[in-house]
Amino acid sequence: MKVILDANALMVPEQFGVKIFSELQRLGYTEYLVPEQVMRELSSLTLHADRGRDKIAAKVGLGLAKGCKQVSSDESVFDADLAIEQLAVREKAAVFTNDKALKKKLIMKGITVIYLRQGRYLEATEKEY
């Protein structure tokens, strides 16, 4: 199954010590997609994050993202959340994010959301796409 990774999801390993790819495999997800907007967001965070810890987490996330399938999307869409939503619908993929607003929007559209639970493991919403 396919899963789209948000910037904050790719920062989880550094911030919480969770092995996200092992956890995603445990949930049955083996194909990892990263929209180009997420790559830009991570790159920007490596330069402009206020806290050093966030910069380090963004650098780690950027490295992890390079090992995933990078997906080009509509160039007119600059917003990473919108790109993720459109890609999830097009690819019939789940989304791994900890962003509350994005999570709510995706769930309302019937898209499965994977999120960090108790800072230790990943969990998926019940509804499958």
C-alpha atoms as a PDB file:
ATOM      1  CA  MET A   1       0.000   0.000   0.000  1.00  0.00           C
ATOM      2  CA  LYS A   2       1.055   3.566  -0.641  1.00  0.00           C
ATOM      3  CA  VAL A   3       1.583   6.286   1.941  1.00  0.00           C
ATOM      4  CA  ILE A   4       2.403   9.952   1.431  1.00  0.00           C
ATOM      5  CA  LEU A   5       4.815  11.449   3.959  1.00  0.00           C
ATOM      6  CA  ASP A   6       4.374  14.993   5.253  1.00  0.00           C
ATOM      7  CA  ALA A   7       7.362  17.074   6.394  1.00  0.00           C
ATOM      8  CA  ASN A   8       6.519  16.658  10.077  1.00  0.00           C
ATOM      9  CA  ALA A   9       6.257  12.882   9.600  1.00  0.00           C
ATOM     10  CA  LEU A  10       9.768  12.763   8.167  1.00  0.00           C
ATOM     11  CA  MET A  11      11.040  14.665  11.211  1.00  0.00           C
ATOM     12  CA  VAL A  12       9.606  12.101  13.684  1.00  0.00           C
ATOM     13  CA  PRO A  13      12.690   9.830  13.754  1.00  0.00           C
ATOM     14  CA  GLU A  14      14.929  12.647  14.999  1.00  0.00           C
ATOM     15  CA  GLN A  15      12.340  14.230  17.291  1.00  0.00           C
ATOM     16  CA  PHE A  16      10.905  11.074  18.884  1.00  0.00           C
ATOM     17  CA  GLY A  17      13.299   8.247  18.023  1.00  0.00           C
ATOM     18  CA  VAL A  18      10.580   6.274  16.213  1.00  0.00           C
ATOM     19  CA  LYS A  19      11.645   4.108  13.281  1.00  0.00           C
ATOM     20  CA  ILE A  20       8.923   5.282  10.926  1.00  0.00           C
ATOM     21  CA  PHE A  21       9.642   2.909   8.056  1.00  0.00           C
ATOM     22  CA  SER A  22       9.515  -0.141  10.336  1.00  0.00           C
ATOM     23  CA  GLU A  23       6.278   1.169  11.811  1.00  0.00           C
ATOM     24  CA  LEU A  24       4.797   1.868   8.367  1.00  0.00           C
ATOM     25  CA  GLN A  25       5.702  -1.651   7.247  1.00  0.00           C
ATOM     26  CA  ARG A  26       4.051  -3.027  10.397  1.00  0.00           C
ATOM     27  CA  LEU A  27       0.880  -1.245   9.266  1.00  0.00           C
ATOM     28  CA  GLY A  28       1.212  -2.685   5.736  1.00  0.00           C
ATOM     29  CA  TYR A  29       2.639   0.345   3.912  1.00  0.00           C
ATOM     30  CA  THR A  30       5.577  -0.383   1.635  1.00  0.00           C
ATOM     31  CA  GLU A  31       5.537   2.412  -0.958  1.00  0.00           C
ATOM     32  CA  TYR A  32       6.566   5.850   0.319  1.00  0.00           C
ATOM     33  CA  LEU A  33       5.697   8.992  -1.652  1.00  0.00           C
ATOM     34  CA  VAL A  34       6.994  12.507  -0.977  1.00  0.00           C
ATOM     35  CA  PRO A  35       5.586  15.450  -2.977  1.00  0.00           C
ATOM     36  CA  GLU A  36       8.102  18.008  -4.219  1.00  0.00           C
ATOM     37  CA  GLN A  37       6.352  20.632  -2.050  1.00  0.00           C
ATOM     38  CA  VAL A  38       7.328  18.627   1.048  1.00  0.00           C
ATOM     39  CA  MET A  39      10.920  18.498  -0.172  1.00  0.00           C
ATOM     40  CA  ARG A  40      10.888  22.300  -0.518  1.00  0.00           C
ATOM     41  CA  GLU A  41       9.361  22.674   2.950  1.00  0.00           C
ATOM     42  CA  LEU A  42      12.072  20.501   4.526  1.00  0.00           C
ATOM     43  CA  SER A  43      14.803  22.364   2.640  1.00  0.00           C
ATOM     44  CA  SER A  44      13.413  25.657   3.880  1.00  0.00           C
ATOM     45  CA  LEU A  45      13.299  24.387   7.462  1.00  0.00           C
ATOM     46  CA  THR A  46      16.967  23.378   7.304  1.00  0.00           C
ATOM     47  CA  LEU A  47      17.765  27.028   6.610  1.00  0.00           C
ATOM     48  CA  HIS A  48      15.125  28.964   8.534  1.00  0.00           C
ATOM     49  CA  ALA A  49      13.922  26.928  11.521  1.00  0.00           C
ATOM     50  CA  ASP A  50      14.084  28.940  14.751  1.00  0.00           C
ATOM     51  CA  ARG A  51      15.314  26.114  16.945  1.00  0.00           C
ATOM     52  CA  GLY A  52      18.437  24.066  16.311  1.00  0.00           C
ATOM     53  CA  ARG A  53      16.578  20.856  17.085  1.00  0.00           C
ATOM     54  CA  ASP A  54      14.061  21.571  14.320  1.00  0.00           C
ATOM     55  CA  LYS A  55      16.876  22.273  11.850  1.00  0.00           C
ATOM     56  CA  ILE A  56      18.520  18.963  12.676  1.00  0.00           C
ATOM     57  CA  ALA A  57      15.195  17.107  12.424  1.00  0.00           C
ATOM     58  CA  ALA A  58      14.522  18.769   9.041  1.00  0.00           C
ATOM     59  CA  LYS A  59      17.962  17.717   7.771  1.00  0.00           C
ATOM     60  CA  VAL A  60      17.325  14.142   8.879  1.00  0.00           C
ATOM     61  CA  GLY A  61      13.865  14.283   7.283  1.00  0.00           C
ATOM     62  CA  LEU A  62      15.309  15.574   4.026  1.00  0.00           C
ATOM     63  CA  GLY A  63      17.770  12.698   3.980  1.00  0.00           C
ATOM     64  CA  LEU A  64      14.985  10.182   4.615  1.00  0.00           C
ATOM     65  CA  ALA A  65      12.815  11.774   1.916  1.00  0.00           C
ATOM     66  CA  LYS A  66      15.551  11.297  -0.661  1.00  0.00           C
ATOM     67  CA  GLY A  67      15.187   7.545  -0.126  1.00  0.00           C
ATOM     68  CA  CYS A  68      11.477   7.713  -0.965  1.00  0.00           C
ATOM     69  CA  LYS A  69       9.739   8.096  -4.305  1.00  0.00           C
ATOM     70  CA  GLN A  70       9.670  11.827  -4.973  1.00  0.00           C
ATOM     71  CA  VAL A  71       6.515  12.858  -6.800  1.00  0.00           C
ATOM     72  CA  SER A  72       6.065  15.877  -9.022  1.00  0.00           C
ATOM     73  CA  SER A  73       2.684  17.483  -8.837  1.00  0.00           C
ATOM     74  CA  ASP A  74       0.814  20.467 -10.182  1.00  0.00           C
ATOM     75  CA  GLU A  75       3.401  23.250 -10.317  1.00  0.00           C
ATOM     76  CA  SER A  76       0.732  25.846  -9.612  1.00  0.00           C
ATOM     77  CA  VAL A  77       0.209  24.282  -6.181  1.00  0.00           C
ATOM     78  CA  PHE A  78       2.803  25.686  -3.785  1.00  0.00           C
ATOM     79  CA  ASP A  79       1.086  24.629  -0.547  1.00  0.00           C
ATOM     80  CA  ALA A  80       2.354  21.258   0.675  1.00  0.00           C
ATOM     81  CA  ASP A  81      -0.939  20.367   2.403  1.00  0.00           C
ATOM     82  CA  LEU A  82      -2.950  20.892  -0.787  1.00  0.00           C
ATOM     83  CA  ALA A  83      -0.404  18.909  -2.800  1.00  0.00           C
ATOM     84  CA  ILE A  84      -0.620  16.056  -0.277  1.00  0.00           C
ATOM     85  CA  GLU A  85      -4.417  16.069  -0.401  1.00  0.00           C
ATOM     86  CA  GLN A  86      -4.514  16.028  -4.219  1.00  0.00           C
ATOM     87  CA  LEU A  87      -1.875  13.291  -4.416  1.00  0.00           C
ATOM     88  CA  ALA A  88      -3.720  11.152  -1.848  1.00  0.00           C
ATOM     89  CA  VAL A  89      -6.884  11.294  -3.925  1.00  0.00           C
ATOM     90  CA  ARG A  90      -5.050  10.646  -7.213  1.00  0.00           C
ATOM     91  CA  GLU A  91      -2.937   7.759  -5.883  1.00  0.00           C
ATOM     92  CA  LYS A  92      -5.544   6.382  -3.468  1.00  0.00           C
ATOM     93  CA  ALA A  93      -2.851   6.586  -0.800  1.00  0.00           C
ATOM     94  CA  ALA A  94      -2.861   7.071   2.946  1.00  0.00           C
ATOM     95  CA  VAL A  95      -1.103  10.087   4.471  1.00  0.00           C
ATOM     96  CA  PHE A  96       1.325  10.111   7.388  1.00  0.00           C
ATOM     97  CA  THR A  97       1.027  13.471   9.149  1.00  0.00           C
ATOM     98  CA  ASN A  98       0.840  14.906  12.635  1.00  0.00           C
ATOM     99  CA  ASP A  99      -0.661  18.186  11.413  1.00  0.00           C
ATOM    100  CA  LYS A 100      -4.060  18.434  13.140  1.00  0.00           C
ATOM    101  CA  ALA A 101      -5.724  20.644  10.523  1.00  0.00           C
ATOM    102  CA  LEU A 102      -4.525  18.498   7.618  1.00  0.00           C
ATOM    103  CA  LYS A 103      -5.464  15.312   9.457  1.00  0.00           C
ATOM    104  CA  LYS A 104      -9.027  16.585   9.997  1.00  0.00           C
ATOM    105  CA  LYS A 105      -9.384  17.636   6.357  1.00  0.00           C
ATOM    106  CA  LEU A 106      -8.130  14.283   5.067  1.00  0.00           C
ATOM    107  CA  ILE A 107     -10.359  12.252   7.382  1.00  0.00           C
ATOM    108  CA  MET A 108     -13.381  14.276   6.219  1.00  0.00           C
ATOM    109  CA  LYS A 109     -12.501  13.245   2.651  1.00  0.00           C
ATOM    110  CA  GLY A 110     -12.273   9.581   3.650  1.00  0.00           C
ATOM    111  CA  ILE A 111      -8.486   9.377   3.352  1.00  0.00           C
ATOM    112  CA  THR A 112      -6.662   7.133   5.821  1.00  0.00           C
ATOM    113  CA  VAL A 113      -4.331   9.116   8.065  1.00  0.00           C
ATOM    114  CA  ILE A 114      -1.346   7.645   9.869  1.00  0.00           C
ATOM    115  CA  TYR A 115      -0.126   9.566  12.890  1.00  0.00           C
ATOM    116  CA  LEU A 116       2.241   9.310  15.830  1.00  0.00           C
ATOM    117  CA  ARG A 117       0.549   7.884  18.895  1.00  0.00           C
ATOM    118  CA  GLN A 118       1.884   8.497  22.423  1.00  0.00           C
ATOM    119  CA  GLY A 119       5.218   9.553  20.923  1.00  0.00           C
ATOM    120  CA  ARG A 120       6.162   5.894  20.459  1.00  0.00           C
ATOM    121  CA  TYR A 121       4.366   4.207  17.575  1.00  0.00           C
ATOM    122  CA  LEU A 122       2.246   4.879  14.501  1.00  0.00           C
ATOM    123  CA  GLU A 123      -1.468   4.326  14.228  1.00  0.00           C
ATOM    124  CA  ALA A 124      -3.875   4.614  11.290  1.00  0.00           C
ATOM    125  CA  THR A 125      -7.386   5.981  11.279  1.00  0.00           C
ATOM    126  CA  GLU A 126      -9.995   3.262  10.964  1.00  0.00           C
ATOM    127  CA  LYS A 127     -11.455   4.336   7.649  1.00  0.00           C
ATOM    128  CA  GLU A 128      -9.556   3.004   4.626  1.00  0.00           C
ATOM    129  CA  TYR A 129      -9.484   5.042   1.424  1.00  0.00           C
END
